[in-house]
Amino acid sequence: MKAAEKNFYDFILDRTKADHQEDMKHLLAELLERKSTDKLDKMYLMGVVPRALSYLEPDSVNEVKKVVSEFSAKL
């Protein structure tokens, strides 16, 4: 995992509800795997973002949305 990916991973996990940590880890692993194999696209992100947002602490949702938007704009 590259440093930027590790930062993204840690950023998201730090804002994830305790009872959804494992779910988020699996989702992020899938996301990073798709990115490494050039199978990560905006349609995929649109499909997983609602699930990912449901795993987050409510007060972190807007902050994470901003970061994910910036991340997906680089695709």
Protein backbone atom coordinates (compact mmCIF):
# COMPACT_ATOMS: atom_id res chain seq x y z
CA MET A 1 0.00 0.00 0.00
CA LYS A 2 1.38 3.38 -1.01
CA ALA A 3 1.75 6.13 1.60
CA ALA A 4 -1.16 8.15 0.17
CA GLU A 5 -3.38 5.05 0.17
CA LYS A 6 -2.40 4.28 3.77
CA ASN A 7 -3.26 7.87 4.76
CA PHE A 8 -6.65 7.57 3.03
CA TYR A 9 -7.27 4.17 4.67
CA ASP A 10 -6.36 5.46 8.14
CA PHE A 11 -8.36 8.67 7.65
CA ILE A 12 -11.51 6.69 6.83
CA LEU A 13 -11.05 4.11 9.59
CA ASP A 14 -10.49 6.83 12.18
CA ARG A 15 -13.96 8.15 11.33
CA THR A 16 -15.73 4.78 11.20
CA LYS A 17 -18.16 3.59 13.88
CA ALA A 18 -16.55 1.01 16.18
CA ASP A 19 -19.12 -1.64 15.27
CA HIS A 20 -18.41 -1.22 11.53
CA GLN A 21 -14.60 -1.24 11.57
CA GLU A 22 -14.33 -4.69 9.97
CA ASP A 23 -16.96 -3.89 7.34
CA MET A 24 -15.09 -0.72 6.41
CA LYS A 25 -11.74 -2.54 6.30
CA HIS A 26 -13.18 -5.01 3.79
CA LEU A 27 -14.72 -2.25 1.71
CA LEU A 28 -11.47 -0.24 1.67
CA ALA A 29 -9.45 -3.35 0.79
CA GLU A 30 -11.76 -3.96 -2.16
CA LEU A 31 -11.53 -0.31 -3.20
CA LEU A 32 -7.72 -0.31 -3.09
CA GLU A 33 -7.56 -3.65 -4.91
CA ARG A 34 -9.78 -2.28 -7.69
CA LYS A 35 -7.60 0.83 -7.85
CA SER A 36 -4.43 -1.26 -8.21
CA THR A 37 -5.96 -3.29 -11.05
CA ASP A 38 -7.45 -0.26 -12.86
CA LYS A 39 -11.00 -1.43 -12.13
CA LEU A 40 -11.88 1.51 -9.90
CA ASP A 41 -14.24 3.90 -11.61
CA LYS A 42 -16.84 6.48 -10.71
CA MET A 43 -19.73 4.05 -11.21
CA TYR A 44 -18.21 1.66 -8.66
CA LEU A 45 -17.66 4.51 -6.21
CA MET A 46 -21.25 5.69 -6.64
CA GLY A 47 -22.37 2.19 -5.69
CA VAL A 48 -20.25 1.80 -2.56
CA VAL A 49 -20.35 5.33 -1.18
CA PRO A 50 -23.83 4.99 0.41
CA ARG A 51 -22.73 1.82 2.21
CA ALA A 52 -19.45 3.41 3.31
CA LEU A 53 -21.23 6.51 4.58
CA SER A 54 -23.52 4.35 6.71
CA TYR A 55 -20.43 2.95 8.47
CA LEU A 56 -19.15 6.41 9.45
CA GLU A 57 -19.58 8.40 12.63
CA PRO A 58 -22.41 10.86 11.88
CA ASP A 59 -20.29 13.91 12.65
CA SER A 60 -17.61 12.76 10.15
CA VAL A 61 -19.82 12.23 7.10
CA ASN A 62 -19.37 15.66 5.49
CA GLU A 63 -15.62 15.63 6.02
CA VAL A 64 -15.31 12.18 4.46
CA LYS A 65 -17.58 13.11 1.55
CA LYS A 66 -15.23 15.96 0.72
CA VAL A 67 -12.14 13.74 0.79
CA VAL A 68 -13.80 10.98 -1.24
CA SER A 69 -14.95 13.55 -3.81
CA GLU A 70 -11.37 14.80 -4.16
CA PHE A 71 -10.09 11.23 -4.35
CA SER A 72 -12.56 10.22 -7.07
CA ALA A 73 -11.89 13.40 -9.08
CA LYS A 74 -8.32 12.13 -9.57
CA LEU A 75 -9.53 8.95 -11.32
